[in-house]
């Protein structure tokens, strides 16, 4: 009796405990173009999958964003990536400004276990404007007045002075 119960437990499918990045699960957060999409150095990626972050989810509360949020770490193009938010199904992280370019590996580590690598194309420049509903298209996110137009963009290239990984750009730029 015990042997059959033990055998059944081994054969019953178990939920994965290691992070799993979905096939085509790394996209440019602003454009949402299908993976392996293109994101610029310093741009934001959205990573989708299973067991990526803590059950309750976490959001960075400091600048620069940390490279470890709870027990979650992301590596993009060979460099530790600053993480804005992590939930079991989604991570929003920044491509480090000094990451390797080209088709690069993205991995997620939770504690002692890591995901299999996924791919994203990292470019020096890849302009992207944030949409109001974060869908990747449509009305730009921002504000329009008689004196100015304010929106959020990424992938426009290096800035003078250079920004550190995970830091916000200066206001009014």
N, C-alpha and C. Protein backbone atom coordinates (compact mmCIF):
# COMPACT_ATOMS: atom_id res chain seq x y z
N UNK A 1 0.82 -1.19 0.00
CA UNK A 1 0.00 0.00 0.00
C UNK A 1 0.87 1.26 0.00
N UNK A 2 1.86 1.29 0.89
CA UNK A 2 2.74 2.46 0.98
C UNK A 2 3.52 2.65 -0.33
N UNK A 3 3.98 1.53 -0.91
CA UNK A 3 4.76 1.62 -2.14
C UNK A 3 3.92 2.20 -3.28
N UNK A 4 2.65 1.82 -3.38
CA UNK A 4 1.82 2.36 -4.46
C UNK A 4 1.52 3.84 -4.23
N UNK A 5 1.34 4.26 -3.00
CA UNK A 5 1.11 5.68 -2.71
C UNK A 5 2.35 6.50 -3.04
N UNK A 6 3.52 6.00 -2.70
CA UNK A 6 4.77 6.70 -3.00
C UNK A 6 4.98 6.79 -4.50
N UNK A 7 4.68 5.71 -5.22
CA UNK A 7 4.84 5.70 -6.68
C UNK A 7 3.86 6.70 -7.33
N UNK A 8 2.62 6.75 -6.83
CA UNK A 8 1.63 7.68 -7.37
C UNK A 8 2.07 9.12 -7.14
N UNK A 9 2.66 9.40 -5.98
CA UNK A 9 3.14 10.76 -5.69
C UNK A 9 4.25 11.16 -6.65
N UNK A 10 5.10 10.22 -7.02
CA UNK A 10 6.18 10.53 -7.95
C UNK A 10 5.68 10.75 -9.37
N UNK A 11 4.60 10.08 -9.74
CA UNK A 11 4.08 10.19 -11.09
C UNK A 11 3.14 11.38 -11.26
N UNK A 12 2.55 11.89 -10.19
CA UNK A 12 1.62 13.01 -10.26
C UNK A 12 2.38 14.27 -10.65
N UNK A 13 1.92 15.01 -11.64
CA UNK A 13 2.65 16.22 -12.05
C UNK A 13 2.74 17.23 -10.90
N UNK A 14 3.91 17.79 -10.74
CA UNK A 14 4.15 18.78 -9.69
C UNK A 14 4.32 20.15 -10.33
N UNK A 15 3.86 21.19 -9.63
CA UNK A 15 4.07 22.55 -10.11
C UNK A 15 5.57 22.85 -10.07
N UNK A 16 6.10 23.56 -11.06
CA UNK A 16 7.52 23.86 -11.04
C UNK A 16 7.87 24.78 -9.87
N UNK A 17 9.02 24.56 -9.27
CA UNK A 17 9.46 25.45 -8.20
C UNK A 17 10.51 26.43 -8.71
N UNK A 18 11.20 26.07 -9.78
CA UNK A 18 12.17 26.97 -10.39
C UNK A 18 11.42 27.98 -11.25
N UNK A 19 11.97 29.18 -11.41
CA UNK A 19 11.32 30.14 -12.32
C UNK A 19 11.34 29.59 -13.76
N UNK A 20 10.26 29.84 -14.48
CA UNK A 20 10.12 29.42 -15.86
C UNK A 20 9.72 30.64 -16.69
N UNK A 21 10.56 31.02 -17.65
CA UNK A 21 10.22 32.12 -18.56
C UNK A 21 9.45 31.52 -19.73
N UNK A 22 8.29 32.08 -20.03
CA UNK A 22 7.46 31.57 -21.12
C UNK A 22 8.21 31.66 -22.44
N UNK A 23 7.84 30.75 -23.36
CA UNK A 23 8.37 30.85 -24.71
C UNK A 23 7.93 32.20 -25.25
N UNK A 24 8.84 32.94 -25.81
CA UNK A 24 8.57 34.29 -26.30
C UNK A 24 8.09 35.20 -25.16
N UNK A 25 8.66 34.99 -23.97
CA UNK A 25 8.20 35.68 -22.77
C UNK A 25 8.98 36.92 -22.38
N UNK A 26 9.92 37.37 -23.21
CA UNK A 26 10.67 38.59 -22.90
C UNK A 26 10.38 39.61 -23.99
N UNK A 27 9.72 40.71 -23.60
CA UNK A 27 9.31 41.72 -24.57
C UNK A 27 9.75 43.11 -24.11
N UNK A 28 9.81 44.04 -25.06
CA UNK A 28 10.04 45.44 -24.75
C UNK A 28 8.79 45.93 -24.02
N UNK A 29 8.95 46.43 -22.81
CA UNK A 29 7.79 46.84 -22.00
C UNK A 29 6.95 47.91 -22.69
N UNK A 30 7.59 48.86 -23.39
CA UNK A 30 6.85 49.94 -24.02
C UNK A 30 6.14 49.50 -25.29
N UNK A 31 6.81 48.75 -26.17
CA UNK A 31 6.22 48.40 -27.46
C UNK A 31 5.41 47.12 -27.43
N UNK A 32 5.70 46.22 -26.51
CA UNK A 32 5.04 44.91 -26.40
C UNK A 32 5.16 44.09 -27.69
N UNK A 33 6.17 44.40 -28.53
CA UNK A 33 6.33 43.62 -29.75
C UNK A 33 6.70 42.19 -29.38
N UNK A 34 6.26 41.21 -30.18
CA UNK A 34 6.50 39.81 -29.85
C UNK A 34 7.99 39.50 -29.68
N UNK A 35 8.27 38.62 -28.75
CA UNK A 35 9.65 38.20 -28.49
C UNK A 35 10.14 37.35 -29.64
N UNK A 36 11.42 37.31 -29.95
CA UNK A 36 12.41 38.14 -29.26
C UNK A 36 12.43 39.54 -29.86
N UNK A 37 11.77 40.45 -29.18
CA UNK A 37 11.70 41.83 -29.63
C UNK A 37 13.04 42.52 -29.42
N UNK A 38 13.06 43.80 -29.70
CA UNK A 38 14.28 44.58 -29.53
C UNK A 38 14.06 45.60 -28.44
N UNK A 39 15.02 45.72 -27.56
CA UNK A 39 15.00 46.72 -26.50
C UNK A 39 16.38 47.34 -26.43
N UNK A 40 16.43 48.61 -26.11
CA UNK A 40 17.71 49.32 -26.08
C UNK A 40 18.40 49.15 -24.74
N UNK A 41 19.69 49.40 -24.75
CA UNK A 41 20.43 49.49 -23.50
C UNK A 41 19.72 50.52 -22.63
N UNK A 42 19.43 50.18 -21.40
CA UNK A 42 18.72 51.08 -20.50
C UNK A 42 17.21 51.03 -20.62
N UNK A 43 16.68 50.29 -21.61
CA UNK A 43 15.23 50.17 -21.80
C UNK A 43 14.62 49.18 -20.83
N UNK A 44 13.29 49.13 -20.82
CA UNK A 44 12.57 48.23 -19.92
C UNK A 44 12.09 47.00 -20.65
N UNK A 45 12.22 45.85 -19.98
CA UNK A 45 11.68 44.59 -20.50
C UNK A 45 10.61 44.08 -19.56
N UNK A 46 9.67 43.35 -20.15
CA UNK A 46 8.66 42.63 -19.38
C UNK A 46 8.94 41.16 -19.59
N UNK A 47 9.10 40.44 -18.49
CA UNK A 47 9.38 39.01 -18.52
C UNK A 47 8.14 38.29 -18.00
N UNK A 48 7.60 37.37 -18.79
CA UNK A 48 6.40 36.63 -18.41
C UNK A 48 6.74 35.17 -18.20
N UNK A 49 6.05 34.53 -17.26
CA UNK A 49 6.30 33.13 -17.01
C UNK A 49 5.63 32.64 -15.75
N UNK A 50 6.26 31.66 -15.11
CA UNK A 50 5.75 31.05 -13.89
C UNK A 50 6.81 31.12 -12.80
N UNK A 51 6.35 31.34 -11.57
CA UNK A 51 7.24 31.31 -10.40
C UNK A 51 8.39 32.31 -10.52
N UNK A 52 8.12 33.46 -11.16
CA UNK A 52 9.17 34.45 -11.38
C UNK A 52 9.46 35.29 -10.15
N UNK A 53 8.44 35.59 -9.37
CA UNK A 53 8.61 36.43 -8.19
C UNK A 53 7.76 35.92 -7.04
N UNK A 54 7.81 36.62 -5.92
CA UNK A 54 7.06 36.18 -4.74
C UNK A 54 5.55 36.24 -4.95
N UNK A 55 4.83 35.40 -4.22
CA UNK A 55 3.37 35.30 -4.37
C UNK A 55 2.67 36.64 -4.17
N UNK A 56 3.11 37.42 -3.21
CA UNK A 56 2.47 38.70 -2.92
C UNK A 56 2.92 39.79 -3.89
N UNK A 57 3.99 39.56 -4.64
CA UNK A 57 4.53 40.56 -5.54
C UNK A 57 5.27 41.65 -4.78
N UNK A 58 6.25 42.23 -5.42
CA UNK A 58 7.03 43.31 -4.83
C UNK A 58 7.28 44.38 -5.88
N UNK A 59 7.39 45.64 -5.44
CA UNK A 59 7.75 46.76 -6.29
C UNK A 59 8.89 47.51 -5.61
N UNK A 60 9.89 47.89 -6.40
CA UNK A 60 11.03 48.63 -5.85
C UNK A 60 10.53 49.92 -5.22
N UNK A 61 11.06 50.23 -4.06
CA UNK A 61 10.64 51.44 -3.35
C UNK A 61 11.74 52.48 -3.27
N UNK A 62 12.89 52.18 -3.89
CA UNK A 62 14.03 53.10 -3.86
C UNK A 62 14.61 53.26 -5.26
N UNK A 63 15.33 54.35 -5.45
CA UNK A 63 16.13 54.56 -6.67
C UNK A 63 17.58 54.63 -6.26
N UNK A 64 18.49 54.10 -6.98
CA UNK A 64 18.26 53.26 -8.16
C UNK A 64 17.59 51.94 -7.78
N UNK A 65 16.87 51.34 -8.76
CA UNK A 65 16.21 50.07 -8.52
C UNK A 65 17.25 49.03 -8.14
N UNK A 66 16.87 48.11 -7.24
CA UNK A 66 17.81 47.08 -6.82
C UNK A 66 17.96 45.98 -7.87
N UNK A 67 19.06 45.27 -7.82
CA UNK A 67 19.25 44.12 -8.72
C UNK A 67 18.74 42.84 -8.06
N UNK A 68 18.36 42.91 -6.80
CA UNK A 68 17.68 41.81 -6.11
C UNK A 68 16.43 42.38 -5.47
N UNK A 69 15.27 41.83 -5.81
CA UNK A 69 14.00 42.27 -5.24
C UNK A 69 13.39 41.05 -4.57
N UNK A 70 13.35 41.06 -3.24
CA UNK A 70 12.97 39.85 -2.50
C UNK A 70 14.06 38.83 -2.75
N UNK A 71 13.69 37.67 -3.26
CA UNK A 71 14.69 36.64 -3.61
C UNK A 71 14.87 36.52 -5.12
N UNK A 72 14.43 37.53 -5.87
CA UNK A 72 14.43 37.48 -7.34
C UNK A 72 15.57 38.30 -7.92
N UNK A 73 16.30 37.70 -8.86
CA UNK A 73 17.36 38.38 -9.60
C UNK A 73 17.18 38.10 -11.09
N UNK A 74 17.56 39.07 -11.93
CA UNK A 74 17.46 38.93 -13.38
C UNK A 74 18.83 39.26 -13.97
N UNK A 75 19.24 38.46 -14.95
CA UNK A 75 20.46 38.73 -15.69
C UNK A 75 20.09 38.91 -17.15
N UNK A 76 20.54 40.03 -17.75
CA UNK A 76 20.27 40.33 -19.16
C UNK A 76 21.60 40.64 -19.83
N UNK A 77 21.91 39.92 -20.88
CA UNK A 77 23.13 40.19 -21.62
C UNK A 77 24.37 40.10 -20.75
N UNK A 78 24.37 39.17 -19.80
CA UNK A 78 25.54 38.95 -18.96
C UNK A 78 25.68 39.89 -17.77
N UNK A 79 24.69 40.76 -17.52
CA UNK A 79 24.77 41.74 -16.43
C UNK A 79 23.54 41.64 -15.53
N UNK A 80 23.73 41.93 -14.24
CA UNK A 80 22.62 41.99 -13.30
C UNK A 80 21.72 43.16 -13.68
N UNK A 81 20.41 42.90 -13.77
CA UNK A 81 19.45 43.91 -14.20
C UNK A 81 18.70 44.51 -13.02
N UNK A 82 18.54 45.84 -12.98
CA UNK A 82 17.70 46.46 -11.97
C UNK A 82 16.24 46.01 -12.17
N UNK A 83 15.56 45.72 -11.07
CA UNK A 83 14.18 45.21 -11.12
C UNK A 83 13.23 46.25 -10.55
N UNK A 84 12.19 46.60 -11.32
CA UNK A 84 11.16 47.50 -10.83
C UNK A 84 10.08 46.73 -10.05
N UNK A 85 9.60 45.61 -10.64
CA UNK A 85 8.56 44.84 -9.97
C UNK A 85 8.70 43.36 -10.32
N UNK A 86 8.22 42.53 -9.37
CA UNK A 86 8.26 41.08 -9.57
C UNK A 86 7.02 40.45 -8.94
N UNK A 87 6.29 39.69 -9.75
CA UNK A 87 5.15 38.90 -9.28
C UNK A 87 5.39 37.47 -9.76
N UNK A 88 4.57 36.52 -9.37
CA UNK A 88 4.78 35.16 -9.88
C UNK A 88 4.75 35.06 -11.41
N UNK A 89 3.96 35.92 -12.08
CA UNK A 89 3.81 35.82 -13.52
C UNK A 89 4.55 36.85 -14.35
N UNK A 90 5.03 37.95 -13.74
CA UNK A 90 5.62 39.03 -14.51
C UNK A 90 6.71 39.75 -13.74
N UNK A 91 7.78 40.09 -14.46
CA UNK A 91 8.84 40.95 -13.92
C UNK A 91 9.01 42.11 -14.89
N UNK A 92 9.17 43.31 -14.36
CA UNK A 92 9.56 44.47 -15.16
C UNK A 92 10.96 44.85 -14.69
N UNK A 93 11.92 44.83 -15.63
CA UNK A 93 13.32 45.09 -15.29
C UNK A 93 13.93 46.00 -16.36
N UNK A 94 15.07 46.57 -16.01
CA UNK A 94 15.79 47.46 -16.93
C UNK A 94 16.98 46.71 -17.53
N UNK A 95 17.16 46.86 -18.84
CA UNK A 95 18.37 46.32 -19.46
C UNK A 95 19.53 47.18 -18.97
N UNK A 96 20.54 46.58 -18.36
CA UNK A 96 21.67 47.39 -17.88
C UNK A 96 22.31 48.16 -19.03
N UNK A 97 22.65 49.43 -18.80
CA UNK A 97 23.26 50.23 -19.86
C UNK A 97 24.58 49.66 -20.39
N UNK A 98 25.22 48.78 -19.62
CA UNK A 98 26.48 48.18 -20.06
C UNK A 98 26.33 46.70 -20.44
N UNK A 99 25.09 46.25 -20.70
CA UNK A 99 24.86 44.86 -21.09
C UNK A 99 25.44 44.62 -22.49
N UNK A 100 25.64 43.35 -22.81
CA UNK A 100 26.07 42.99 -24.16
C UNK A 100 24.92 43.26 -25.12
N UNK A 101 25.24 43.58 -26.37
CA UNK A 101 24.21 43.82 -27.39
C UNK A 101 24.11 42.61 -28.31
N UNK A 102 23.04 42.60 -29.11
CA UNK A 102 22.75 41.47 -29.98
C UNK A 102 21.68 40.60 -29.34
N UNK A 103 21.56 39.37 -29.81
CA UNK A 103 20.61 38.41 -29.24
C UNK A 103 21.25 37.84 -27.98
N UNK A 104 20.70 38.19 -26.82
CA UNK A 104 21.33 37.84 -25.54
C UNK A 104 20.41 36.99 -24.68
N UNK A 105 21.01 36.32 -23.71
CA UNK A 105 20.26 35.51 -22.77
C UNK A 105 19.66 36.37 -21.66
N UNK A 106 18.46 35.96 -21.22
CA UNK A 106 17.80 36.53 -20.05
C UNK A 106 17.51 35.37 -19.12
N UNK A 107 17.93 35.48 -17.87
CA UNK A 107 17.62 34.44 -16.88
C UNK A 107 17.04 35.09 -15.64
N UNK A 108 16.20 34.32 -14.95
CA UNK A 108 15.62 34.74 -13.68
C UNK A 108 16.08 33.74 -12.64
N UNK A 109 16.56 34.25 -11.51
CA UNK A 109 16.99 33.40 -10.39
C UNK A 109 16.11 33.74 -9.19
N UNK A 110 15.61 32.69 -8.55
CA UNK A 110 14.89 32.82 -7.28
C UNK A 110 15.63 31.99 -6.27
N UNK A 111 16.28 32.66 -5.35
CA UNK A 111 17.07 31.93 -4.37
C UNK A 111 18.19 31.18 -5.07
N UNK A 112 18.22 29.86 -4.88
CA UNK A 112 19.30 29.04 -5.42
C UNK A 112 19.00 28.45 -6.79
N UNK A 113 17.79 28.67 -7.34
CA UNK A 113 17.43 28.05 -8.62
C UNK A 113 17.22 29.11 -9.70
N UNK A 114 17.62 28.77 -10.92
CA UNK A 114 17.53 29.71 -12.05
C UNK A 114 16.68 29.10 -13.16
N UNK A 115 16.10 29.99 -13.95
CA UNK A 115 15.32 29.58 -15.12
C UNK A 115 16.27 29.15 -16.23
N UNK A 116 15.72 28.46 -17.20
CA UNK A 116 16.44 28.27 -18.45
C UNK A 116 16.51 29.63 -19.13
N UNK A 117 17.55 29.89 -19.92
CA UNK A 117 17.64 31.21 -20.56
C UNK A 117 16.58 31.42 -21.63
N UNK A 118 16.11 32.65 -21.71
CA UNK A 118 15.25 33.10 -22.80
C UNK A 118 16.08 34.11 -23.59
N UNK A 119 15.54 34.62 -24.68
CA UNK A 119 16.31 35.53 -25.54
C UNK A 119 15.60 36.87 -25.72
N UNK A 120 16.38 37.91 -25.88
CA UNK A 120 15.91 39.22 -26.28
C UNK A 120 17.02 39.87 -27.08
N UNK A 121 16.66 40.71 -28.04
CA UNK A 121 17.65 41.44 -28.82
C UNK A 121 17.88 42.79 -28.14
N UNK A 122 19.13 43.05 -27.78
CA UNK A 122 19.51 44.32 -27.15
C UNK A 122 20.27 45.14 -28.17
N UNK A 123 19.85 46.39 -28.35
CA UNK A 123 20.48 47.30 -29.31
C UNK A 123 20.94 48.56 -28.58
N UNK A 124 21.92 49.24 -29.15
CA UNK A 124 22.37 50.51 -28.57
C UNK A 124 21.25 51.54 -28.62
N UNK A 125 20.47 51.55 -29.70
CA UNK A 125 19.34 52.46 -29.87
C UNK A 125 18.13 51.66 -30.33
N UNK A 126 16.99 51.92 -29.72
CA UNK A 126 15.72 51.32 -30.14
C UNK A 126 14.60 52.17 -29.54
N UNK A 127 14.33 53.34 -30.13
CA UNK A 127 13.35 54.25 -29.56
C UNK A 127 11.98 53.61 -29.38
N UNK A 128 11.38 53.86 -28.21
CA UNK A 128 10.05 53.33 -27.90
C UNK A 128 9.34 54.35 -27.02
N UNK A 129 8.06 54.60 -27.31
CA UNK A 129 7.24 55.53 -26.52
C UNK A 129 6.19 54.72 -25.77
N UNK A 130 6.03 55.03 -24.50
CA UNK A 130 5.07 54.31 -23.66
C UNK A 130 3.65 54.69 -24.05
N UNK A 131 2.79 53.68 -24.22
CA UNK A 131 1.38 53.91 -24.53
C UNK A 131 0.59 54.14 -23.24
N UNK A 132 -0.50 54.88 -23.34
CA UNK A 132 -1.30 55.24 -22.17
C UNK A 132 -1.81 54.01 -21.42
N UNK A 133 -2.13 52.94 -22.15
CA UNK A 133 -2.65 51.74 -21.49
C UNK A 133 -1.62 50.62 -21.41
N UNK A 134 -0.35 50.94 -21.66
CA UNK A 134 0.75 49.97 -21.62
C UNK A 134 0.51 48.77 -22.56
N UNK A 135 -0.23 49.00 -23.65
CA UNK A 135 -0.51 47.92 -24.60
C UNK A 135 0.54 47.83 -25.70
N UNK A 136 1.38 48.85 -25.82
CA UNK A 136 2.38 48.85 -26.87
C UNK A 136 1.98 49.69 -28.08
N UNK A 137 0.72 50.11 -28.15
CA UNK A 137 0.29 50.96 -29.25
C UNK A 137 -0.85 51.84 -28.78
N UNK A 138 -1.17 52.83 -29.58
CA UNK A 138 -2.27 53.71 -29.24
C UNK A 138 -1.78 55.05 -28.75
N UNK A 139 -2.61 55.69 -27.96
CA UNK A 139 -2.34 57.03 -27.45
C UNK A 139 -1.12 56.99 -26.53
N UNK A 140 -0.17 57.92 -26.72
CA UNK A 140 1.00 57.94 -25.84
C UNK A 140 0.63 58.30 -24.40
N UNK A 141 1.36 57.71 -23.46
CA UNK A 141 1.22 58.05 -22.06
C UNK A 141 1.83 59.43 -21.86
N UNK A 142 1.19 60.28 -21.10
CA UNK A 142 1.77 61.58 -20.84
C UNK A 142 0.75 62.66 -20.64
N UNK A 143 1.18 63.88 -20.86
CA UNK A 143 0.34 65.05 -20.60
C UNK A 143 0.61 66.09 -21.68
N UNK A 144 -0.45 66.74 -22.14
CA UNK A 144 -0.34 67.79 -23.14
C UNK A 144 -0.96 69.05 -22.57
N UNK A 145 -0.22 70.15 -22.63
CA UNK A 145 -0.74 71.46 -22.25
C UNK A 145 -0.44 72.42 -23.39
N UNK A 146 -0.85 73.67 -23.24
CA UNK A 146 -0.56 74.67 -24.27
C UNK A 146 0.93 74.97 -24.36
N UNK A 147 1.68 74.68 -23.31
CA UNK A 147 3.10 74.99 -23.29
C UNK A 147 4.02 73.79 -23.53
N UNK A 148 3.51 72.56 -23.32
CA UNK A 148 4.42 71.42 -23.45
C UNK A 148 3.68 70.12 -23.74
N UNK A 149 4.47 69.18 -24.20
CA UNK A 149 4.03 67.80 -24.36
C UNK A 149 5.00 66.97 -23.54
N UNK A 150 4.48 66.19 -22.61
CA UNK A 150 5.32 65.33 -21.79
C UNK A 150 4.93 63.88 -22.03
N UNK A 151 5.91 63.04 -22.28
CA UNK A 151 5.66 61.61 -22.48
C UNK A 151 6.85 60.85 -21.94
N UNK A 152 6.76 59.54 -21.95
CA UNK A 152 7.86 58.70 -21.49
C UNK A 152 8.36 57.88 -22.67
N UNK A 153 9.66 57.90 -22.87
CA UNK A 153 10.28 57.15 -23.96
C UNK A 153 11.53 56.46 -23.43
N UNK A 154 11.96 55.45 -24.15
CA UNK A 154 13.23 54.79 -23.83
C UNK A 154 13.94 54.46 -25.13
N UNK A 155 15.18 54.05 -25.00
CA UNK A 155 15.94 53.61 -26.17
C UNK A 155 16.46 54.71 -27.04
N UNK A 156 16.58 55.92 -26.49
CA UNK A 156 17.01 57.06 -27.29
C UNK A 156 18.52 57.24 -27.31
N UNK A 157 19.24 56.39 -26.61
CA UNK A 157 20.70 56.46 -26.63
C UNK A 157 21.28 56.99 -25.34
N UNK A 158 22.60 57.07 -25.29
CA UNK A 158 23.28 57.54 -24.08
C UNK A 158 22.91 58.98 -23.76
N UNK A 159 22.96 59.31 -22.48
CA UNK A 159 22.63 60.65 -22.03
C UNK A 159 23.86 61.32 -21.42
N UNK A 160 23.96 62.63 -21.59
CA UNK A 160 25.00 63.34 -20.86
C UNK A 160 24.37 64.08 -19.67
N UNK A 161 24.70 63.84 -18.46
CA UNK A 161 25.65 62.83 -18.01
C UNK A 161 25.03 61.43 -18.09
N UNK A 162 25.88 60.43 -18.10
CA UNK A 162 25.43 59.04 -18.17
C UNK A 162 24.63 58.69 -16.93
N UNK A 163 23.55 57.94 -17.11
CA UNK A 163 22.75 57.48 -15.98
C UNK A 163 23.31 56.17 -15.46
N UNK A 164 23.19 55.98 -14.17
CA UNK A 164 23.59 54.69 -13.61
C UNK A 164 22.45 53.71 -13.76
N UNK A 165 22.77 52.44 -13.76
CA UNK A 165 21.79 51.38 -13.92
C UNK A 165 20.74 51.48 -12.82
N UNK A 166 19.46 51.50 -13.22
CA UNK A 166 18.36 51.54 -12.28
C UNK A 166 17.97 52.92 -11.79
N UNK A 167 18.69 53.95 -12.21
CA UNK A 167 18.40 55.32 -11.77
C UNK A 167 17.41 56.00 -12.71
N UNK A 168 16.73 57.00 -12.19
CA UNK A 168 15.80 57.79 -13.02
C UNK A 168 16.55 58.93 -13.68
N UNK A 169 16.09 59.34 -14.84
CA UNK A 169 16.67 60.49 -15.51
C UNK A 169 16.26 61.78 -14.83
N UNK A 170 16.98 62.85 -15.07
CA UNK A 170 16.62 64.12 -14.45
C UNK A 170 15.28 64.63 -14.98
N UNK A 171 14.52 65.29 -14.11
CA UNK A 171 13.24 65.84 -14.50
C UNK A 171 13.42 66.90 -15.57
N UNK A 172 12.46 66.98 -16.47
CA UNK A 172 12.48 68.01 -17.49
C UNK A 172 13.34 67.69 -18.69
N UNK A 173 13.79 66.44 -18.80
CA UNK A 173 14.64 66.09 -19.94
C UNK A 173 13.91 65.19 -20.90
